[in-house]
Amino acid sequence: MEFPKWVTDRVIARQGKLHAYDHFKPEETAFVVVDLQNFFTQPGYMGECKAAPATFPAVNKLANALREAGGHVIWVQTCADNADTFWAHFHHDMLKPELSQRRLTEMSVDHPGYELAAELDVAPTDTRVVKRYYSALAPNSSNLHEVLQDKGVKNVLIGGTTTNVCCESTARNAMMLNYRSIMVHDALSAFTSQEHEFALQAWMLYFGDVLGADDVIARL
C-alpha cells in the first residue's frame, strides 16, 4: 500500500523509519480476524461490506502461514443477543427500529448471519472470541485481552471488516494496552476505499504499522 508523502514524511520524522517492526516472533504473534461473519460479508445481510470477500485469500494465506510458523489465529465474532439492553443507546438512538431488529436477528448466535463465512480457512486449533461492542478490547466486550495474555502475545495483527470501525477500534485498544499493533491492509475492508485509506493513514501516523500479508509473512 502506498501512502502520501506527507504521511510517510511524518512517520519517518517520528520514528526514524517507515515501518517500525522488522521481525515478529511467531509464538508471540496473533492474527486477530474481526467480524468476517456472514452478516458483514454476504449479500442480503444488513451489514454487508461488498469489499470483504476480496480479502479472504490474504486472510487465509496469513492465517495458514502464521499457524505453520507456530503463531496464533483468533477469529472474533460479534453477537447481538440482548444488545438492545446492554447497548441500548446504539440500538434505540442510532438505528431506526427496523434496522435495530434486523441487527438483533441477523447477528443472534443461532442465526446463519452470526457464522463465519464459509470461504475462510478456519482450523480446529484456532481460537474463537465473541464480542459485544465494536472493539473486542473495550470493557466488558470480550475476553480477547485475557486470551492474548494467556498465549504470551506481544504482536497483534488485525484483519477483517470494517477497517475503520470494529477493526480499528480493536486495534487502537490493543496499541494502548501495549501490544505492537499492525493493520494488515489487504486483509481489511471498508464500505468505501476512502474510508479504508483514511483509516490506515491515521493509523500509520499515530498508532502502529500498516503491512500487507506478504510483508508480515516475510517478517515471521
C-alpha atoms as a PDB file:
ATOM      1  CA  MET A   1       0.000   0.000   0.000  1.00  0.00           C
ATOM      2  CA  GLU A   2       1.311   3.429  -0.958  1.00  0.00           C
ATOM      3  CA  PHE A   3       0.959   6.312   1.453  1.00  0.00           C
ATOM      4  CA  PRO A   4       1.015  10.022   0.533  1.00  0.00           C
ATOM      5  CA  LYS A   5       4.380  11.686   1.032  1.00  0.00           C
ATOM      6  CA  TRP A   6       3.022  13.856   3.835  1.00  0.00           C
ATOM      7  CA  VAL A   7       2.161  10.689   5.757  1.00  0.00           C
ATOM      8  CA  THR A   8       5.490   8.944   5.192  1.00  0.00           C
ATOM      9  CA  ASP A   9       7.443  12.120   5.992  1.00  0.00           C
ATOM     10  CA  ARG A  10       5.707  12.498   9.345  1.00  0.00           C
ATOM     11  CA  VAL A  11       6.076   8.821  10.250  1.00  0.00           C
ATOM     12  CA  ILE A  12       9.789   8.826   9.447  1.00  0.00           C
ATOM     13  CA  ALA A  13      10.270  12.085  11.370  1.00  0.00           C
ATOM     14  CA  ARG A  14       8.638  10.483  14.417  1.00  0.00           C
ATOM     15  CA  GLN A  15      10.208   7.022  14.480  1.00  0.00           C
ATOM     16  CA  GLY A  16      13.186   7.226  12.138  1.00  0.00           C
ATOM     17  CA  LYS A  17      11.884   4.744   9.554  1.00  0.00           C
ATOM     18  CA  LEU A  18       8.637   3.998   7.782  1.00  0.00           C
ATOM     19  CA  HIS A  19       7.954   0.559   9.240  1.00  0.00           C
ATOM     20  CA  ALA A  20       8.511   0.131  12.957  1.00  0.00           C
ATOM     21  CA  TYR A  21       8.849  -3.650  13.134  1.00  0.00           C
ATOM     22  CA  ASP A  22      11.430  -5.726  11.264  1.00  0.00           C
ATOM     23  CA  HIS A  23      10.653  -9.129  12.782  1.00  0.00           C
ATOM     24  CA  PHE A  24       7.841 -10.915  14.618  1.00  0.00           C
ATOM     25  CA  LYS A  25       8.420 -13.976  16.785  1.00  0.00           C
ATOM     26  CA  PRO A  26       5.613 -16.282  15.654  1.00  0.00           C
ATOM     27  CA  GLU A  27       4.936 -17.633  19.138  1.00  0.00           C
ATOM     28  CA  GLU A  28       4.381 -14.042  20.341  1.00  0.00           C
ATOM     29  CA  THR A  29       2.152 -13.114  17.401  1.00  0.00           C
ATOM     30  CA  ALA A  30      -1.611 -13.381  16.937  1.00  0.00           C
ATOM     31  CA  PHE A  31      -3.643 -12.710  13.810  1.00  0.00           C
ATOM     32  CA  VAL A  32      -6.914 -11.310  15.134  1.00  0.00           C
ATOM     33  CA  VAL A  33      -9.553 -11.539  12.407  1.00  0.00           C
ATOM     34  CA  VAL A  34     -12.533  -9.341  13.189  1.00  0.00           C
ATOM     35  CA  ASP A  35     -16.150  -9.910  12.107  1.00  0.00           C
ATOM     36  CA  LEU A  36     -15.764 -11.909   8.894  1.00  0.00           C
ATOM     37  CA  GLN A  37     -19.225 -13.286   9.544  1.00  0.00           C
ATOM     38  CA  ASN A  38     -21.994 -13.790   7.015  1.00  0.00           C
ATOM     39  CA  PHE A  39     -23.694 -10.693   8.414  1.00  0.00           C
ATOM     40  CA  PHE A  40     -20.815  -8.498   7.237  1.00  0.00           C
ATOM     41  CA  THR A  41     -19.652 -10.376   4.144  1.00  0.00           C
ATOM     42  CA  GLN A  42     -22.579 -11.974   2.332  1.00  0.00           C
ATOM     43  CA  PRO A  43     -25.255 -10.468   0.051  1.00  0.00           C
ATOM     44  CA  GLY A  44     -28.650  -9.861   1.578  1.00  0.00           C
ATOM     45  CA  TYR A  45     -27.469  -9.117   5.092  1.00  0.00           C
ATOM     46  CA  MET A  46     -27.863  -5.704   6.704  1.00  0.00           C
ATOM     47  CA  GLY A  47     -24.154  -5.272   7.415  1.00  0.00           C
ATOM     48  CA  GLU A  48     -22.755  -6.462   4.083  1.00  0.00           C
ATOM     49  CA  CYS A  49     -19.393  -4.915   3.181  1.00  0.00           C
ATOM     50  CA  LYS A  50     -19.072  -5.708  -0.512  1.00  0.00           C
ATOM     51  CA  ALA A  51     -15.282  -5.416  -0.449  1.00  0.00           C
ATOM     52  CA  ALA A  52     -14.844  -8.044   2.271  1.00  0.00           C
ATOM     53  CA  PRO A  53     -14.804 -11.268   0.196  1.00  0.00           C
ATOM     54  CA  ALA A  54     -11.890  -9.965  -1.882  1.00  0.00           C
ATOM     55  CA  THR A  55      -9.769 -10.044   1.305  1.00  0.00           C
ATOM     56  CA  PHE A  56     -10.401 -13.737   2.024  1.00  0.00           C
ATOM     57  CA  PRO A  57      -7.347 -15.012   0.077  1.00  0.00           C
ATOM     58  CA  ALA A  58      -4.997 -12.728   2.029  1.00  0.00           C
ATOM     59  CA  VAL A  59      -6.694 -13.637   5.319  1.00  0.00           C
ATOM     60  CA  ASN A  60      -6.365 -17.359   4.602  1.00  0.00           C
ATOM     61  CA  LYS A  61      -2.780 -17.022   3.399  1.00  0.00           C
ATOM     62  CA  LEU A  62      -1.653 -15.161   6.513  1.00  0.00           C
ATOM     63  CA  ALA A  63      -3.602 -17.418   8.863  1.00  0.00           C
ATOM     64  CA  ASN A  64      -2.057 -20.543   7.347  1.00  0.00           C
ATOM     65  CA  ALA A  65       1.458 -19.089   7.361  1.00  0.00           C
ATOM     66  CA  LEU A  66       1.215 -17.986  10.970  1.00  0.00           C
ATOM     67  CA  ARG A  67      -0.132 -21.366  12.099  1.00  0.00           C
ATOM     68  CA  GLU A  68       2.694 -23.164  10.330  1.00  0.00           C
ATOM     69  CA  ALA A  69       5.233 -20.856  11.985  1.00  0.00           C
ATOM     70  CA  GLY A  70       3.820 -21.551  15.452  1.00  0.00           C
ATOM     71  CA  GLY A  71       1.726 -18.414  15.909  1.00  0.00           C
ATOM     72  CA  HIS A  72      -1.904 -17.889  16.875  1.00  0.00           C
ATOM     73  CA  VAL A  73      -5.056 -17.269  14.829  1.00  0.00           C
ATOM     74  CA  ILE A  74      -8.057 -15.768  16.595  1.00  0.00           C
ATOM     75  CA  TRP A  75     -11.466 -15.307  14.959  1.00  0.00           C
ATOM     76  CA  VAL A  76     -13.612 -12.602  16.560  1.00  0.00           C
ATOM     77  CA  GLN A  77     -17.378 -12.724  16.056  1.00  0.00           C
ATOM     78  CA  THR A  78     -19.941 -10.126  17.106  1.00  0.00           C
ATOM     79  CA  CYS A  79     -23.046 -11.415  18.870  1.00  0.00           C
ATOM     80  CA  ALA A  80     -26.051  -9.084  19.139  1.00  0.00           C
ATOM     81  CA  ASP A  81     -28.085 -11.147  21.592  1.00  0.00           C
ATOM     82  CA  ASN A  82     -29.563  -8.707  24.166  1.00  0.00           C
ATOM     83  CA  ALA A  83     -27.737  -5.784  22.548  1.00  0.00           C
ATOM     84  CA  ASP A  84     -30.905  -3.686  22.788  1.00  0.00           C
ATOM     85  CA  THR A  85     -30.353  -3.853  26.553  1.00  0.00           C
ATOM     86  CA  PHE A  86     -26.572  -3.732  27.107  1.00  0.00           C
ATOM     87  CA  TRP A  87     -26.041  -1.299  24.190  1.00  0.00           C
ATOM     88  CA  ALA A  88     -29.377   0.437  24.429  1.00  0.00           C
ATOM     89  CA  HIS A  89     -28.332   3.896  23.214  1.00  0.00           C
ATOM     90  CA  PHE A  90     -26.941   2.439  19.976  1.00  0.00           C
ATOM     91  CA  HIS A  91     -29.972   0.316  19.264  1.00  0.00           C
ATOM     92  CA  HIS A  92     -32.549   2.886  20.353  1.00  0.00           C
ATOM     93  CA  ASP A  93     -30.978   6.191  19.289  1.00  0.00           C
ATOM     94  CA  MET A  94     -28.641   5.395  16.396  1.00  0.00           C
ATOM     95  CA  LEU A  95     -30.663   2.810  14.469  1.00  0.00           C
ATOM     96  CA  LYS A  96     -34.145   3.007  13.036  1.00  0.00           C
ATOM     97  CA  PRO A  97     -36.412   0.430  14.735  1.00  0.00           C
ATOM     98  CA  GLU A  98     -36.499  -1.848  11.709  1.00  0.00           C
ATOM     99  CA  LEU A  99     -32.697  -1.789  11.432  1.00  0.00           C
ATOM    100  CA  SER A 100     -32.294  -2.421  15.146  1.00  0.00           C
ATOM    101  CA  GLN A 101     -34.486  -5.500  14.850  1.00  0.00           C
ATOM    102  CA  ARG A 102     -32.598  -6.764  11.799  1.00  0.00           C
ATOM    103  CA  ARG A 103     -29.272  -6.424  13.597  1.00  0.00           C
ATOM    104  CA  LEU A 104     -30.601  -8.239  16.652  1.00  0.00           C
ATOM    105  CA  THR A 105     -31.981 -11.034  14.492  1.00  0.00           C
ATOM    106  CA  GLU A 106     -29.190 -11.463  11.929  1.00  0.00           C
ATOM    107  CA  MET A 107     -26.390 -11.483  14.497  1.00  0.00           C
ATOM    108  CA  SER A 108     -28.067 -13.716  17.017  1.00  0.00           C
ATOM    109  CA  VAL A 109     -25.887 -16.684  17.905  1.00  0.00           C
ATOM    110  CA  ASP A 110     -28.489 -19.028  16.400  1.00  0.00           C
ATOM    111  CA  HIS A 111     -28.765 -17.188  13.073  1.00  0.00           C
ATOM    112  CA  PRO A 112     -26.643 -18.021   9.982  1.00  0.00           C
ATOM    113  CA  GLY A 113     -25.572 -14.371   9.903  1.00  0.00           C
ATOM    114  CA  TYR A 114     -23.508 -14.957  13.031  1.00  0.00           C
ATOM    115  CA  GLU A 115     -21.414 -17.704  11.417  1.00  0.00           C
ATOM    116  CA  LEU A 116     -18.023 -17.126   9.830  1.00  0.00           C
ATOM    117  CA  ALA A 117     -18.016 -17.034   6.033  1.00  0.00           C
ATOM    118  CA  ALA A 118     -17.640 -20.498   4.519  1.00  0.00           C
ATOM    119  CA  GLU A 119     -14.720 -19.418   2.319  1.00  0.00           C
ATOM    120  CA  LEU A 120     -12.463 -18.837   5.318  1.00  0.00           C
ATOM    121  CA  ASP A 121      -9.888 -21.452   6.325  1.00  0.00           C
ATOM    122  CA  VAL A 122     -10.723 -21.872   9.999  1.00  0.00           C
ATOM    123  CA  ALA A 123      -8.678 -24.573  11.724  1.00  0.00           C
ATOM    124  CA  PRO A 124      -9.862 -26.591  14.745  1.00  0.00           C
ATOM    125  CA  THR A 125      -6.823 -25.339  16.665  1.00  0.00           C
ATOM    126  CA  ASP A 126      -7.750 -21.684  16.144  1.00  0.00           C
ATOM    127  CA  THR A 127      -9.321 -19.648  18.931  1.00  0.00           C
ATOM    128  CA  ARG A 128     -12.747 -18.043  18.711  1.00  0.00           C
ATOM    129  CA  VAL A 129     -13.730 -14.975  20.686  1.00  0.00           C
ATOM    130  CA  VAL A 130     -17.220 -13.481  20.972  1.00  0.00           C
ATOM    131  CA  LYS A 131     -17.513  -9.703  21.321  1.00  0.00           C
ATOM    132  CA  ARG A 132     -20.407  -7.387  22.099  1.00  0.00           C
ATOM    133  CA  TYR A 133     -19.169  -3.928  21.055  1.00  0.00           C
ATOM    134  CA  TYR A 134     -17.181  -2.519  18.139  1.00  0.00           C
ATOM    135  CA  SER A 135     -13.879  -3.069  19.928  1.00  0.00           C
ATOM    136  CA  ALA A 136     -13.147  -6.555  21.182  1.00  0.00           C
ATOM    137  CA  LEU A 137     -10.915  -4.908  23.785  1.00  0.00           C
ATOM    138  CA  ALA A 138     -13.446  -2.424  25.132  1.00  0.00           C
ATOM    139  CA  PRO A 139     -14.509  -3.007  28.761  1.00  0.00           C
ATOM    140  CA  ASN A 140     -16.968  -5.905  29.038  1.00  0.00           C
ATOM    141  CA  SER A 141     -16.851  -6.598  25.300  1.00  0.00           C
ATOM    142  CA  SER A 142     -14.939  -9.906  25.218  1.00  0.00           C
ATOM    143  CA  ASN A 143     -12.161 -11.925  26.812  1.00  0.00           C
ATOM    144  CA  LEU A 144      -9.690 -11.162  23.997  1.00  0.00           C
ATOM    145  CA  HIS A 145      -7.168  -9.444  26.272  1.00  0.00           C
ATOM    146  CA  GLU A 146      -7.094 -12.453  28.603  1.00  0.00           C
ATOM    147  CA  VAL A 147      -6.702 -14.802  25.629  1.00  0.00           C
ATOM    148  CA  LEU A 148      -3.773 -12.791  24.285  1.00  0.00           C
ATOM    149  CA  GLN A 149      -2.129 -12.664  27.697  1.00  0.00           C
ATOM    150  CA  ASP A 150      -2.535 -16.409  28.236  1.00  0.00           C
ATOM    151  CA  LYS A 151      -0.861 -17.085  24.881  1.00  0.00           C
ATOM    152  CA  GLY A 152       2.028 -14.715  25.597  1.00  0.00           C
ATOM    153  CA  VAL A 153       1.149 -12.499  22.643  1.00  0.00           C
ATOM    154  CA  LYS A 154       3.038  -9.245  22.124  1.00  0.00           C
ATOM    155  CA  ASN A 155       2.271  -8.645  18.434  1.00  0.00           C
ATOM    156  CA  VAL A 156      -1.325  -8.223  17.275  1.00  0.00           C
ATOM    157  CA  LEU A 157      -2.062  -8.386  13.551  1.00  0.00           C
ATOM    158  CA  ILE A 158      -5.511  -7.084  12.656  1.00  0.00           C
ATOM    159  CA  GLY A 159      -7.606  -8.226   9.701  1.00  0.00           C
ATOM    160  CA  GLY A 160     -11.320  -8.336   8.984  1.00  0.00           C
ATOM    161  CA  THR A 161     -14.053  -5.795   8.409  1.00  0.00           C
ATOM    162  CA  THR A 162     -14.655  -2.962   8.570  1.00  0.00           C
ATOM    163  CA  THR A 163     -11.270  -1.252   8.600  1.00  0.00           C
ATOM    164  CA  ASN A 164     -12.434   1.981  10.193  1.00  0.00           C
ATOM    165  CA  VAL A 165     -14.963   0.601  12.675  1.00  0.00           C
ATOM    166  CA  CYS A 166     -14.536  -2.698  14.538  1.00  0.00           C
ATOM    167  CA  CYS A 167     -11.038  -3.427  13.219  1.00  0.00           C
ATOM    168  CA  GLU A 168      -9.617  -0.008  14.000  1.00  0.00           C
ATOM    169  CA  SER A 169     -11.434   0.169  17.341  1.00  0.00           C
ATOM    170  CA  THR A 170      -9.949  -3.159  18.422  1.00  0.00           C
ATOM    171  CA  ALA A 171      -6.509  -2.227  17.089  1.00  0.00           C
ATOM    172  CA  ARG A 172      -6.446   1.136  18.895  1.00  0.00           C
ATOM    173  CA  ASN A 173      -7.287  -0.525  22.194  1.00  0.00           C
ATOM    174  CA  ALA A 174      -4.604  -3.146  21.545  1.00  0.00           C
ATOM    175  CA  MET A 175      -2.000  -0.440  20.979  1.00  0.00           C
ATOM    176  CA  MET A 176      -2.988   1.303  24.215  1.00  0.00           C
ATOM    177  CA  LEU A 177      -2.777  -2.000  26.074  1.00  0.00           C
ATOM    178  CA  ASN A 178       0.886  -2.117  24.989  1.00  0.00           C
ATOM    179  CA  TYR A 179       0.613  -4.628  22.150  1.00  0.00           C
ATOM    180  CA  ARG A 180       2.623  -3.977  18.995  1.00  0.00           C
ATOM    181  CA  SER A 181      -0.336  -3.496  16.702  1.00  0.00           C
ATOM    182  CA  ILE A 182      -0.286  -3.904  12.928  1.00  0.00           C
ATOM    183  CA  MET A 183      -3.122  -3.347  10.472  1.00  0.00           C
ATOM    184  CA  VAL A 184      -2.843  -5.833   7.572  1.00  0.00           C
ATOM    185  CA  HIS A 185      -4.123  -3.700   4.706  1.00  0.00           C
ATOM    186  CA  ASP A 186      -5.013  -6.416   2.185  1.00  0.00           C
ATOM    187  CA  ALA A 187      -6.771  -8.440   4.894  1.00  0.00           C
ATOM    188  CA  LEU A 188      -9.011  -5.455   5.740  1.00  0.00           C
ATOM    189  CA  SER A 189     -12.005  -3.891   4.007  1.00  0.00           C
ATOM    190  CA  ALA A 190     -14.411  -0.990   4.415  1.00  0.00           C
ATOM    191  CA  PHE A 191     -17.591   0.238   2.772  1.00  0.00           C
ATOM    192  CA  THR A 192     -15.621   2.676   0.622  1.00  0.00           C
ATOM    193  CA  SER A 193     -11.992   2.831  -0.465  1.00  0.00           C
ATOM    194  CA  GLN A 194     -11.780   6.322   1.027  1.00  0.00           C
ATOM    195  CA  GLU A 195     -12.741   5.086   4.495  1.00  0.00           C
ATOM    196  CA  HIS A 196     -10.222   2.262   4.230  1.00  0.00           C
ATOM    197  CA  GLU A 197      -7.397   4.553   3.125  1.00  0.00           C
ATOM    198  CA  PHE A 198      -8.117   7.364   5.585  1.00  0.00           C
ATOM    199  CA  ALA A 199      -8.269   4.922   8.499  1.00  0.00           C
ATOM    200  CA  LEU A 200      -4.926   3.380   7.576  1.00  0.00           C
ATOM    201  CA  GLN A 201      -3.294   6.783   7.093  1.00  0.00           C
ATOM    202  CA  ALA A 202      -4.400   7.857  10.568  1.00  0.00           C
ATOM    203  CA  TRP A 203      -3.273   4.520  11.958  1.00  0.00           C
ATOM    204  CA  MET A 204       0.189   4.885  10.446  1.00  0.00           C
ATOM    205  CA  LEU A 205       0.526   8.439  11.745  1.00  0.00           C
ATOM    206  CA  TYR A 206      -0.325   7.751  15.373  1.00  0.00           C
ATOM    207  CA  PHE A 207      -0.852   4.141  16.378  1.00  0.00           C
ATOM    208  CA  GLY A 208       1.264   1.473  14.698  1.00  0.00           C
ATOM    209  CA  ASP A 209       2.310  -0.120  11.456  1.00  0.00           C
ATOM    210  CA  VAL A 210       0.481  -1.000   8.249  1.00  0.00           C
ATOM    211  CA  LEU A 211       1.736  -4.029   6.303  1.00  0.00           C
ATOM    212  CA  GLY A 212       0.445  -6.405   3.665  1.00  0.00           C
ATOM    213  CA  ALA A 213       0.038 -10.131   4.333  1.00  0.00           C
ATOM    214  CA  ASP A 214       3.212 -10.934   2.395  1.00  0.00           C
ATOM    215  CA  ASP A 215       5.149  -8.272   4.326  1.00  0.00           C
ATOM    216  CA  VAL A 216       4.059  -9.856   7.598  1.00  0.00           C
ATOM    217  CA  ILE A 217       4.944 -13.369   6.439  1.00  0.00           C
ATOM    218  CA  ALA A 218       8.417 -12.168   5.439  1.00  0.00           C
ATOM    219  CA  ARG A 219       8.911 -10.883   8.997  1.00  0.00           C
ATOM    220  CA  LEU A 220       7.974 -14.137  10.743  1.00  0.00           C
END
